[in-house]
Amino acid sequence: MKILDPENEQPLTNDQPGLLFVRGPNVMQGYLGKPKRLLPSCVTAGTTLDIATLDEDGFLRVTDRLSRFSKIGGEMVHT
């Protein structure tokens, strides 16, 4: 799990809000056949982009969402 700057994808220090990235065997790799977004480069289209902070003890706090809309059933829905 890491927090990156949404502009340049560089790691942020503790308690700085940025894009949340999570990796592991239980995390979905992406959407089949979907192109990747331009920013961040490792996020697939249709993904919600959570803004979060990580404190010095490793506690995660999701504080916002970069995208306020998600495509559900072909419709754009406010989230």
PDB file of N, CA and C in Angstrom:
ATOM      1  N   MET A   1       0.852  -1.158   0.000  1.00  0.00           N
ATOM      2  CA  MET A   1       0.000   0.000   0.000  1.00  0.00           C
ATOM      3  C   MET A   1       0.904   1.229   0.000  1.00  0.00           C
ATOM      4  N   LYS A   2       0.552   2.200  -0.855  1.00  0.00           N
ATOM      5  CA  LYS A   2       1.332   3.438  -0.889  1.00  0.00           C
ATOM      6  C   LYS A   2       0.443   4.593  -1.323  1.00  0.00           C
ATOM      7  N   ILE A   3       0.885   5.791  -0.997  1.00  0.00           N
ATOM      8  CA  ILE A   3       0.186   7.024  -1.354  1.00  0.00           C
ATOM      9  C   ILE A   3       1.096   7.789  -2.307  1.00  0.00           C
ATOM     10  N   LEU A   4       0.537   8.133  -3.497  1.00  0.00           N
ATOM     11  CA  LEU A   4       1.322   8.838  -4.510  1.00  0.00           C
ATOM     12  C   LEU A   4       0.688  10.175  -4.858  1.00  0.00           C
ATOM     13  N   ASP A   5       1.529  11.116  -5.277  1.00  0.00           N
ATOM     14  CA  ASP A   5       1.068  12.418  -5.751  1.00  0.00           C
ATOM     15  C   ASP A   5       0.274  12.202  -7.040  1.00  0.00           C
ATOM     16  N   PRO A   6      -0.945  12.735  -7.152  1.00  0.00           N
ATOM     17  CA  PRO A   6      -1.756  12.521  -8.360  1.00  0.00           C
ATOM     18  C   PRO A   6      -1.195  13.185  -9.615  1.00  0.00           C
ATOM     19  N   GLU A   7      -0.334  14.174  -9.463  1.00  0.00           N
ATOM     20  CA  GLU A   7       0.227  14.884 -10.617  1.00  0.00           C
ATOM     21  C   GLU A   7       1.411  14.149 -11.236  1.00  0.00           C
ATOM     22  N   ASN A   8       2.299  13.596 -10.392  1.00  0.00           N
ATOM     23  CA  ASN A   8       3.527  13.022 -10.932  1.00  0.00           C
ATOM     24  C   ASN A   8       3.802  11.584 -10.477  1.00  0.00           C
ATOM     25  N   GLU A   9       2.885  11.007  -9.697  1.00  0.00           N
ATOM     26  CA  GLU A   9       2.978   9.625  -9.215  1.00  0.00           C
ATOM     27  C   GLU A   9       4.203   9.371  -8.339  1.00  0.00           C
ATOM     28  N   GLN A  10       4.727  10.414  -7.703  1.00  0.00           N
ATOM     29  CA  GLN A  10       5.854  10.267  -6.782  1.00  0.00           C
ATOM     30  C   GLN A  10       5.321   9.967  -5.378  1.00  0.00           C
ATOM     31  N   PRO A  11       6.043   9.155  -4.593  1.00  0.00           N
ATOM     32  CA  PRO A  11       5.605   8.831  -3.225  1.00  0.00           C
ATOM     33  C   PRO A  11       5.500  10.089  -2.357  1.00  0.00           C
ATOM     34  N   LEU A  12       4.513  10.088  -1.474  1.00  0.00           N
ATOM     35  CA  LEU A  12       4.323  11.189  -0.536  1.00  0.00           C
ATOM     36  C   LEU A  12       4.721  10.748   0.864  1.00  0.00           C
ATOM     37  N   THR A  13       5.062  11.711   1.703  1.00  0.00           N
ATOM     38  CA  THR A  13       5.419  11.404   3.083  1.00  0.00           C
ATOM     39  C   THR A  13       4.163  11.206   3.916  1.00  0.00           C
ATOM     40  N   ASN A  14       4.356  10.738   5.144  1.00  0.00           N
ATOM     41  CA  ASN A  14       3.232  10.476   6.039  1.00  0.00           C
ATOM     42  C   ASN A  14       2.328  11.694   6.182  1.00  0.00           C
ATOM     43  N   ASP A  15       1.043  11.406   6.271  1.00  0.00           N
ATOM     44  CA  ASP A  15      -0.008  12.403   6.499  1.00  0.00           C
ATOM     45  C   ASP A  15      -0.226  13.373   5.340  1.00  0.00           C
ATOM     46  N   GLN A  16       0.384  13.133   4.175  1.00  0.00           N
ATOM     47  CA  GLN A  16       0.098  13.943   2.990  1.00  0.00           C
ATOM     48  C   GLN A  16      -0.956  13.222   2.165  1.00  0.00           C
ATOM     49  N   PRO A  17      -2.048  13.902   1.791  1.00  0.00           N
ATOM     50  CA  PRO A  17      -3.079  13.243   0.993  1.00  0.00           C
ATOM     51  C   PRO A  17      -2.625  13.012  -0.448  1.00  0.00           C
ATOM     52  N   GLY A  18      -2.962  11.859  -0.981  1.00  0.00           N
ATOM     53  CA  GLY A  18      -2.629  11.523  -2.360  1.00  0.00           C
ATOM     54  C   GLY A  18      -3.418  10.307  -2.809  1.00  0.00           C
ATOM     55  N   LEU A  19      -3.106   9.810  -4.009  1.00  0.00           N
ATOM     56  CA  LEU A  19      -3.801   8.651  -4.558  1.00  0.00           C
ATOM     57  C   LEU A  19      -3.395   7.391  -3.820  1.00  0.00           C
ATOM     58  N   LEU A  20      -4.386   6.575  -3.479  1.00  0.00           N
ATOM     59  CA  LEU A  20      -4.146   5.315  -2.786  1.00  0.00           C
ATOM     60  C   LEU A  20      -3.890   4.209  -3.799  1.00  0.00           C
ATOM     61  N   PHE A  21      -2.776   3.514  -3.632  1.00  0.00           N
ATOM     62  CA  PHE A  21      -2.440   2.349  -4.452  1.00  0.00           C
ATOM     63  C   PHE A  21      -2.277   1.153  -3.528  1.00  0.00           C
ATOM     64  N   VAL A  22      -2.952   0.052  -3.880  1.00  0.00           N
ATOM     65  CA  VAL A  22      -2.884  -1.170  -3.087  1.00  0.00           C
ATOM     66  C   VAL A  22      -2.542  -2.311  -4.024  1.00  0.00           C
ATOM     67  N   ARG A  23      -1.637  -3.185  -3.584  1.00  0.00           N
ATOM     68  CA  ARG A  23      -1.258  -4.335  -4.392  1.00  0.00           C
ATOM     69  C   ARG A  23      -1.219  -5.563  -3.488  1.00  0.00           C
ATOM     70  N   GLY A  24      -1.608  -6.694  -4.029  1.00  0.00           N
ATOM     71  CA  GLY A  24      -1.559  -7.941  -3.286  1.00  0.00           C
ATOM     72  C   GLY A  24      -2.321  -9.024  -4.021  1.00  0.00           C
ATOM     73  N   PRO A  25      -2.230 -10.265  -3.555  1.00  0.00           N
ATOM     74  CA  PRO A  25      -2.888 -11.374  -4.249  1.00  0.00           C
ATOM     75  C   PRO A  25      -4.415 -11.294  -4.216  1.00  0.00           C
ATOM     76  N   ASN A  26      -4.957 -10.531  -3.280  1.00  0.00           N
ATOM     77  CA  ASN A  26      -6.405 -10.410  -3.163  1.00  0.00           C
ATOM     78  C   ASN A  26      -6.970  -9.179  -3.866  1.00  0.00           C
ATOM     79  N   VAL A  27      -6.132  -8.429  -4.574  1.00  0.00           N
ATOM     80  CA  VAL A  27      -6.561  -7.209  -5.252  1.00  0.00           C
ATOM     81  C   VAL A  27      -6.748  -7.494  -6.737  1.00  0.00           C
ATOM     82  N   MET A  28      -7.890  -7.067  -7.279  1.00  0.00           N
ATOM     83  CA  MET A  28      -8.181  -7.261  -8.693  1.00  0.00           C
ATOM     84  C   MET A  28      -7.123  -6.554  -9.542  1.00  0.00           C
ATOM     85  N   GLN A  29      -6.663  -7.220 -10.592  1.00  0.00           N
ATOM     86  CA  GLN A  29      -5.603  -6.684 -11.440  1.00  0.00           C
ATOM     87  C   GLN A  29      -6.094  -5.615 -12.410  1.00  0.00           C
ATOM     88  N   GLY A  30      -7.364  -5.556 -12.703  1.00  0.00           N
ATOM     89  CA  GLY A  30      -7.897  -4.569 -13.631  1.00  0.00           C
ATOM     90  C   GLY A  30      -9.149  -5.100 -14.290  1.00  0.00           C
ATOM     91  N   TYR A  31      -9.650  -4.370 -15.231  1.00  0.00           N
ATOM     92  CA  TYR A  31     -10.840  -4.751 -15.969  1.00  0.00           C
ATOM     93  C   TYR A  31     -10.423  -5.320 -17.316  1.00  0.00           C
ATOM     94  N   LEU A  32     -10.868  -6.518 -17.625  1.00  0.00           N
ATOM     95  CA  LEU A  32     -10.504  -7.206 -18.845  1.00  0.00           C
ATOM     96  C   LEU A  32     -10.826  -6.363 -20.069  1.00  0.00           C
ATOM     97  N   GLY A  33      -9.825  -6.127 -20.910  1.00  0.00           N
ATOM     98  CA  GLY A  33     -10.025  -5.408 -22.160  1.00  0.00           C
ATOM     99  C   GLY A  33     -10.175  -3.907 -22.025  1.00  0.00           C
ATOM    100  N   LYS A  34      -9.976  -3.353 -20.838  1.00  0.00           N
ATOM    101  CA  LYS A  34     -10.117  -1.906 -20.652  1.00  0.00           C
ATOM    102  C   LYS A  34      -8.758  -1.223 -20.767  1.00  0.00           C
ATOM    103  N   PRO A  35      -8.707  -0.092 -21.477  1.00  0.00           N
ATOM    104  CA  PRO A  35      -7.429   0.631 -21.577  1.00  0.00           C
ATOM    105  C   PRO A  35      -7.077   1.302 -20.256  1.00  0.00           C
ATOM    106  N   LYS A  36      -5.798   1.547 -20.057  1.00  0.00           N
ATOM    107  CA  LYS A  36      -5.353   2.252 -18.859  1.00  0.00           C
ATOM    108  C   LYS A  36      -5.603   3.748 -19.028  1.00  0.00           C
ATOM    109  N   ARG A  37      -5.805   4.440 -17.918  1.00  0.00           N
ATOM    110  CA  ARG A  37      -5.952   5.898 -17.930  1.00  0.00           C
ATOM    111  C   ARG A  37      -4.603   6.539 -18.196  1.00  0.00           C
ATOM    112  N   LEU A  38      -4.636   7.794 -18.563  1.00  0.00           N
ATOM    113  CA  LEU A  38      -3.376   8.521 -18.746  1.00  0.00           C
ATOM    114  C   LEU A  38      -2.718   8.811 -17.408  1.00  0.00           C
ATOM    115  N   LEU A  39      -3.495   9.143 -16.395  1.00  0.00           N
ATOM    116  CA  LEU A  39      -2.954   9.433 -15.073  1.00  0.00           C
ATOM    117  C   LEU A  39      -3.881   8.879 -14.023  1.00  0.00           C
ATOM    118  N   PRO A  40      -3.417   8.119 -13.118  1.00  0.00           N
ATOM    119  CA  PRO A  40      -2.094   7.533 -13.049  1.00  0.00           C
ATOM    120  C   PRO A  40      -1.960   6.386 -14.039  1.00  0.00           C
ATOM    121  N   SER A  41      -0.763   6.106 -14.464  1.00  0.00           N
ATOM    122  CA  SER A  41      -0.542   5.158 -15.546  1.00  0.00           C
ATOM    123  C   SER A  41      -0.895   3.725 -15.182  1.00  0.00           C
ATOM    124  N   CYS A  42      -0.889   3.386 -13.913  1.00  0.00           N
ATOM    125  CA  CYS A  42      -1.130   1.998 -13.532  1.00  0.00           C
ATOM    126  C   CYS A  42      -2.565   1.729 -13.102  1.00  0.00           C
ATOM    127  N   VAL A  43      -3.473   2.678 -13.319  1.00  0.00           N
ATOM    128  CA  VAL A  43      -4.873   2.491 -12.945  1.00  0.00           C
ATOM    129  C   VAL A  43      -5.691   2.262 -14.200  1.00  0.00           C
ATOM    130  N   THR A  44      -6.584   1.266 -14.181  1.00  0.00           N
ATOM    131  CA  THR A  44      -7.392   0.966 -15.346  1.00  0.00           C
ATOM    132  C   THR A  44      -8.620   1.864 -15.412  1.00  0.00           C
ATOM    133  N   ALA A  45      -9.174   2.006 -16.601  1.00  0.00           N
ATOM    134  CA  ALA A  45     -10.377   2.819 -16.800  1.00  0.00           C
ATOM    135  C   ALA A  45     -11.519   2.241 -15.983  1.00  0.00           C
ATOM    136  N   GLY A  46     -12.372   3.104 -15.457  1.00  0.00           N
ATOM    137  CA  GLY A  46     -13.514   2.674 -14.679  1.00  0.00           C
ATOM    138  C   GLY A  46     -13.219   2.540 -13.198  1.00  0.00           C
ATOM    139  N   THR A  47     -11.991   2.771 -12.808  1.00  0.00           N
ATOM    140  CA  THR A  47     -11.600   2.636 -11.414  1.00  0.00           C
ATOM    141  C   THR A  47     -11.889   3.925 -10.663  1.00  0.00           C
ATOM    142  N   THR A  48     -12.382   3.800  -9.427  1.00  0.00           N
ATOM    143  CA  THR A  48     -12.529   4.993  -8.599  1.00  0.00           C
ATOM    144  C   THR A  48     -11.173   5.312  -8.011  1.00  0.00           C
ATOM    145  N   LEU A  49     -10.857   6.564  -7.929  1.00  0.00           N
ATOM    146  CA  LEU A  49      -9.542   7.002  -7.467  1.00  0.00           C
ATOM    147  C   LEU A  49      -9.680   7.605  -6.076  1.00  0.00           C
ATOM    148  N   ASP A  50      -9.315   6.844  -5.054  1.00  0.00           N
ATOM    149  CA  ASP A  50      -9.447   7.300  -3.683  1.00  0.00           C
ATOM    150  C   ASP A  50      -8.246   8.135  -3.261  1.00  0.00           C
ATOM    151  N   ILE A  51      -8.539   9.225  -2.549  1.00  0.00           N
ATOM    152  CA  ILE A  51      -7.517  10.072  -1.945  1.00  0.00           C
ATOM    153  C   ILE A  51      -7.416   9.655  -0.483  1.00  0.00           C
ATOM    154  N   ALA A  52      -6.191   9.431  -0.018  1.00  0.00           N
ATOM    155  CA  ALA A  52      -6.005   8.931   1.335  1.00  0.00           C
ATOM    156  C   ALA A  52      -4.717   9.460   1.930  1.00  0.00           C
ATOM    157  N   THR A  53      -4.578   9.270   3.239  1.00  0.00           N
ATOM    158  CA  THR A  53      -3.333   9.554   3.936  1.00  0.00           C
ATOM    159  C   THR A  53      -2.911   8.288   4.669  1.00  0.00           C
ATOM    160  N   LEU A  54      -1.630   8.168   4.904  1.00  0.00           N
ATOM    161  CA  LEU A  54      -1.063   7.054   5.650  1.00  0.00           C
ATOM    162  C   LEU A  54      -0.208   7.664   6.752  1.00  0.00           C
ATOM    163  N   ASP A  55      -0.517   7.325   8.016  1.00  0.00           N
ATOM    164  CA  ASP A  55       0.253   7.944   9.099  1.00  0.00           C
ATOM    165  C   ASP A  55       1.506   7.138   9.423  1.00  0.00           C
ATOM    166  N   GLU A  56       2.316   7.629  10.335  1.00  0.00           N
ATOM    167  CA  GLU A  56       3.603   7.003  10.652  1.00  0.00           C
ATOM    168  C   GLU A  56       3.453   5.618  11.275  1.00  0.00           C
ATOM    169  N   ASP A  57       2.265   5.313  11.821  1.00  0.00           N
ATOM    170  CA  ASP A  57       2.012   3.989  12.387  1.00  0.00           C
ATOM    171  C   ASP A  57       1.423   3.018  11.369  1.00  0.00           C
ATOM    172  N   GLY A  58       1.221   3.503  10.119  1.00  0.00           N
ATOM    173  CA  GLY A  58       0.687   2.643   9.067  1.00  0.00           C
ATOM    174  C   GLY A  58      -0.820   2.621   8.974  1.00  0.00           C
ATOM    175  N   PHE A  59      -1.496   3.504   9.699  1.00  0.00           N
ATOM    176  CA  PHE A  59      -2.952   3.566   9.629  1.00  0.00           C
ATOM    177  C   PHE A  59      -3.371   4.372   8.407  1.00  0.00           C
ATOM    178  N   LEU A  60      -4.336   3.835   7.691  1.00  0.00           N
ATOM    179  CA  LEU A  60      -4.836   4.443   6.460  1.00  0.00           C
ATOM    180  C   LEU A  60      -6.122   5.200   6.738  1.00  0.00           C
ATOM    181  N   ARG A  61      -6.255   6.383   6.136  1.00  0.00           N
ATOM    182  CA  ARG A  61      -7.484   7.161   6.240  1.00  0.00           C
ATOM    183  C   ARG A  61      -7.869   7.623   4.841  1.00  0.00           C
ATOM    184  N   VAL A  62      -8.999   7.121   4.333  1.00  0.00           N
ATOM    185  CA  VAL A  62      -9.515   7.562   3.032  1.00  0.00           C
ATOM    186  C   VAL A  62     -10.285   8.848   3.280  1.00  0.00           C
ATOM    187  N   THR A  63      -9.880   9.913   2.590  1.00  0.00           N
ATOM    188  CA  THR A  63     -10.437  11.236   2.877  1.00  0.00           C
ATOM    189  C   THR A  63     -11.286  11.816   1.754  1.00  0.00           C
ATOM    190  N   ASP A  64     -11.121  11.317   0.533  1.00  0.00           N
ATOM    191  CA  ASP A  64     -11.822  11.917  -0.599  1.00  0.00           C
ATOM    192  C   ASP A  64     -11.751  10.959  -1.776  1.00  0.00           C
ATOM    193  N   ARG A  65     -12.330  11.365  -2.882  1.00  0.00           N
ATOM    194  CA  ARG A  65     -12.264  10.594  -4.118  1.00  0.00           C
ATOM    195  C   ARG A  65     -11.969  11.561  -5.255  1.00  0.00           C
ATOM    196  N   LEU A  66     -10.988  11.227  -6.087  1.00  0.00           N
ATOM    197  CA  LEU A  66     -10.604  12.082  -7.201  1.00  0.00           C
ATOM    198  C   LEU A  66     -11.717  12.163  -8.235  1.00  0.00           C
ATOM    199  N   SER A  67     -12.384  11.038  -8.473  1.00  0.00           N
ATOM    200  CA  SER A  67     -13.495  10.999  -9.417  1.00  0.00           C
ATOM    201  C   SER A  67     -14.793  10.843  -8.641  1.00  0.00           C
ATOM    202  N   ARG A  68     -15.755  11.682  -8.907  1.00  0.00           N
ATOM    203  CA  ARG A  68     -17.036  11.633  -8.213  1.00  0.00           C
ATOM    204  C   ARG A  68     -18.076  10.795  -8.954  1.00  0.00           C
ATOM    205  N   PHE A  69     -17.698  10.244 -10.105  1.00  0.00           N
ATOM    206  CA  PHE A  69     -18.639   9.465 -10.893  1.00  0.00           C
ATOM    207  C   PHE A  69     -18.055   8.099 -11.209  1.00  0.00           C
ATOM    208  N   SER A  70     -18.909   7.080 -11.240  1.00  0.00           N
ATOM    209  CA  SER A  70     -18.527   5.735 -11.643  1.00  0.00           C
ATOM    210  C   SER A  70     -19.507   5.264 -12.704  1.00  0.00           C
ATOM    211  N   LYS A  71     -19.024   4.446 -13.614  1.00  0.00           N
ATOM    212  CA  LYS A  71     -19.898   3.891 -14.645  1.00  0.00           C
ATOM    213  C   LYS A  71     -20.465   2.580 -14.118  1.00  0.00           C
ATOM    214  N   ILE A  72     -21.770   2.542 -13.920  1.00  0.00           N
ATOM    215  CA  ILE A  72     -22.451   1.369 -13.408  1.00  0.00           C
ATOM    216  C   ILE A  72     -23.568   1.010 -14.369  1.00  0.00           C
ATOM    217  N   GLY A  73     -23.498  -0.188 -14.947  1.00  0.00           N
ATOM    218  CA  GLY A  73     -24.525  -0.621 -15.892  1.00  0.00           C
ATOM    219  C   GLY A  73     -24.635   0.291 -17.103  1.00  0.00           C
ATOM    220  N   GLY A  74     -23.514   0.874 -17.526  1.00  0.00           N
ATOM    221  CA  GLY A  74     -23.508   1.757 -18.683  1.00  0.00           C
ATOM    222  C   GLY A  74     -23.919   3.187 -18.392  1.00  0.00           C
ATOM    223  N   GLU A  75     -24.295   3.479 -17.150  1.00  0.00           N
ATOM    224  CA  GLU A  75     -24.720   4.819 -16.759  1.00  0.00           C
ATOM    225  C   GLU A  75     -23.675   5.445 -15.842  1.00  0.00           C
ATOM    226  N   MET A  76     -23.452   6.745 -15.992  1.00  0.00           N
ATOM    227  CA  MET A  76     -22.562   7.465 -15.073  1.00  0.00           C
ATOM    228  C   MET A  76     -23.356   7.812 -13.814  1.00  0.00           C
ATOM    229  N   VAL A  77     -22.864   7.331 -12.676  1.00  0.00           N
ATOM    230  CA  VAL A  77     -23.565   7.495 -11.397  1.00  0.00           C
ATOM    231  C   VAL A  77     -22.679   8.288 -10.456  1.00  0.00           C
ATOM    232  N   HIS A  78     -23.268   9.301  -9.809  1.00  0.00           N
ATOM    233  CA  HIS A  78     -22.537  10.088  -8.815  1.00  0.00           C
ATOM    234  C   HIS A  78     -22.271   9.200  -7.605  1.00  0.00           C
ATOM    235  N   THR A  79     -21.006   9.168  -7.141  1.00  0.00           N
ATOM    236  CA  THR A  79     -20.650   8.318  -6.000  1.00  0.00           C
ATOM    237  C   THR A  79     -20.316   9.131  -4.785  1.00  0.00           C
TER     238      THR A  79
END
